[in-house]
Amino acid sequence: MAFERLEGALTRLAQRDGESGQTLVEYGLIIGLIAVTAIFGIGLMAGGVDSLWGWIGDEVTTAVDGVLS
């Protein structure tokens, strides 16, 4: 009787560990998908941000030249 209870407890514990591993894999896949999406989005925005900073630099240079002249 006690052996059957112990066997049942071990079976439930083993099933719980399997589910924990599955959850961990699912979280890993979600984090990976978010990372790939973020890298792709940053890559798409890189050119626009670069040109924006170039424009800001040109405007600041023009303003400083106007003040110093």
C-alpha atoms as a PDB file:
ATOM      1  CA  MET A   1       0.000   0.000   0.000  1.00  0.00           C
ATOM      2  CA  ALA A   2       2.718   2.499   0.950  1.00  0.00           C
ATOM      3  CA  PHE A   3       4.739   1.469  -2.094  1.00  0.00           C
ATOM      4  CA  GLU A   4       1.778   2.217  -4.384  1.00  0.00           C
ATOM      5  CA  ARG A   5       1.379   5.671  -2.853  1.00  0.00           C
ATOM      6  CA  LEU A   6       5.079   6.357  -3.283  1.00  0.00           C
ATOM      7  CA  GLU A   7       4.940   5.155  -6.871  1.00  0.00           C
ATOM      8  CA  GLY A   8       1.966   7.426  -7.571  1.00  0.00           C
ATOM      9  CA  ALA A   9       3.728  10.413  -6.009  1.00  0.00           C
ATOM     10  CA  LEU A  10       6.844   9.778  -8.103  1.00  0.00           C
ATOM     11  CA  THR A  11       4.746   9.453 -11.242  1.00  0.00           C
ATOM     12  CA  ARG A  12       3.040  12.792 -10.569  1.00  0.00           C
ATOM     13  CA  LEU A  13       6.398  14.409  -9.833  1.00  0.00           C
ATOM     14  CA  ALA A  14       7.860  13.085 -13.082  1.00  0.00           C
ATOM     15  CA  GLN A  15       4.891  14.423 -15.042  1.00  0.00           C
ATOM     16  CA  ARG A  16       5.286  17.831 -13.410  1.00  0.00           C
ATOM     17  CA  ASP A  17       8.963  17.983 -14.376  1.00  0.00           C
ATOM     18  CA  GLY A  18       8.068  17.178 -17.982  1.00  0.00           C
ATOM     19  CA  GLU A  19       5.560  20.017 -18.049  1.00  0.00           C
ATOM     20  CA  SER A  20       8.073  22.408 -16.509  1.00  0.00           C
ATOM     21  CA  GLY A  21      10.517  21.575 -19.276  1.00  0.00           C
ATOM     22  CA  GLN A  22       7.843  22.136 -21.878  1.00  0.00           C
ATOM     23  CA  THR A  23       6.990  25.520 -20.390  1.00  0.00           C
ATOM     24  CA  LEU A  24      10.657  26.481 -20.357  1.00  0.00           C
ATOM     25  CA  VAL A  25      10.980  25.580 -24.042  1.00  0.00           C
ATOM     26  CA  GLU A  26       7.872  27.601 -24.878  1.00  0.00           C
ATOM     27  CA  TYR A  27       9.234  30.645 -23.055  1.00  0.00           C
ATOM     28  CA  GLY A  28      12.546  30.208 -24.851  1.00  0.00           C
ATOM     29  CA  LEU A  29      10.805  30.137 -28.228  1.00  0.00           C
ATOM     30  CA  ILE A  30       8.809  33.260 -27.394  1.00  0.00           C
ATOM     31  CA  ILE A  31      11.932  35.137 -26.259  1.00  0.00           C
ATOM     32  CA  GLY A  32      13.757  34.027 -29.405  1.00  0.00           C
ATOM     33  CA  LEU A  33      10.913  35.262 -31.600  1.00  0.00           C
ATOM     34  CA  ILE A  34      10.873  38.623 -29.821  1.00  0.00           C
ATOM     35  CA  ALA A  35      14.663  38.942 -30.238  1.00  0.00           C
ATOM     36  CA  VAL A  36      14.546  38.143 -33.962  1.00  0.00           C
ATOM     37  CA  THR A  37      11.697  40.608 -34.475  1.00  0.00           C
ATOM     38  CA  ALA A  38      13.527  43.340 -32.551  1.00  0.00           C
ATOM     39  CA  ILE A  39      16.739  42.816 -34.532  1.00  0.00           C
ATOM     40  CA  PHE A  40      14.822  42.892 -37.805  1.00  0.00           C
ATOM     41  CA  GLY A  41      12.958  46.069 -36.785  1.00  0.00           C
ATOM     42  CA  ILE A  42      16.135  47.822 -35.685  1.00  0.00           C
ATOM     43  CA  GLY A  43      17.739  46.890 -38.993  1.00  0.00           C
ATOM     44  CA  LEU A  44      14.844  48.440 -40.891  1.00  0.00           C
ATOM     45  CA  MET A  45      14.988  51.655 -38.870  1.00  0.00           C
ATOM     46  CA  ALA A  46      18.786  52.025 -38.941  1.00  0.00           C
ATOM     47  CA  GLY A  47      18.912  53.961 -42.231  1.00  0.00           C
ATOM     48  CA  GLY A  48      16.201  56.387 -41.185  1.00  0.00           C
ATOM     49  CA  VAL A  49      17.801  57.066 -37.827  1.00  0.00           C
ATOM     50  CA  ASP A  50      21.203  57.567 -39.442  1.00  0.00           C
ATOM     51  CA  SER A  51      19.819  60.145 -41.863  1.00  0.00           C
ATOM     52  CA  LEU A  52      17.934  61.877 -39.033  1.00  0.00           C
ATOM     53  CA  TRP A  53      21.136  62.285 -36.998  1.00  0.00           C
ATOM     54  CA  GLY A  54      22.929  63.531 -40.120  1.00  0.00           C
ATOM     55  CA  TRP A  55      20.227  66.154 -40.663  1.00  0.00           C
ATOM     56  CA  ILE A  56      20.399  67.229 -37.005  1.00  0.00           C
ATOM     57  CA  GLY A  57      24.201  67.543 -37.258  1.00  0.00           C
ATOM     58  CA  ASP A  58      23.901  69.681 -40.392  1.00  0.00           C
ATOM     59  CA  GLU A  59      21.334  71.966 -38.731  1.00  0.00           C
ATOM     60  CA  VAL A  60      23.481  72.389 -35.618  1.00  0.00           C
ATOM     61  CA  THR A  61      26.543  73.155 -37.758  1.00  0.00           C
ATOM     62  CA  THR A  62      24.566  75.736 -39.743  1.00  0.00           C
ATOM     63  CA  ALA A  63      23.243  77.350 -36.546  1.00  0.00           C
ATOM     64  CA  VAL A  64      26.688  77.523 -34.947  1.00  0.00           C
ATOM     65  CA  ASP A  65      28.228  78.946 -38.124  1.00  0.00           C
ATOM     66  CA  GLY A  66      25.468  81.588 -38.207  1.00  0.00           C
ATOM     67  CA  VAL A  67      26.148  82.641 -34.637  1.00  0.00           C
ATOM     68  CA  LEU A  68      29.932  82.744 -35.037  1.00  0.00           C
ATOM     69  CA  SER A  69      29.842  84.680 -38.326  1.00  0.00           C
END
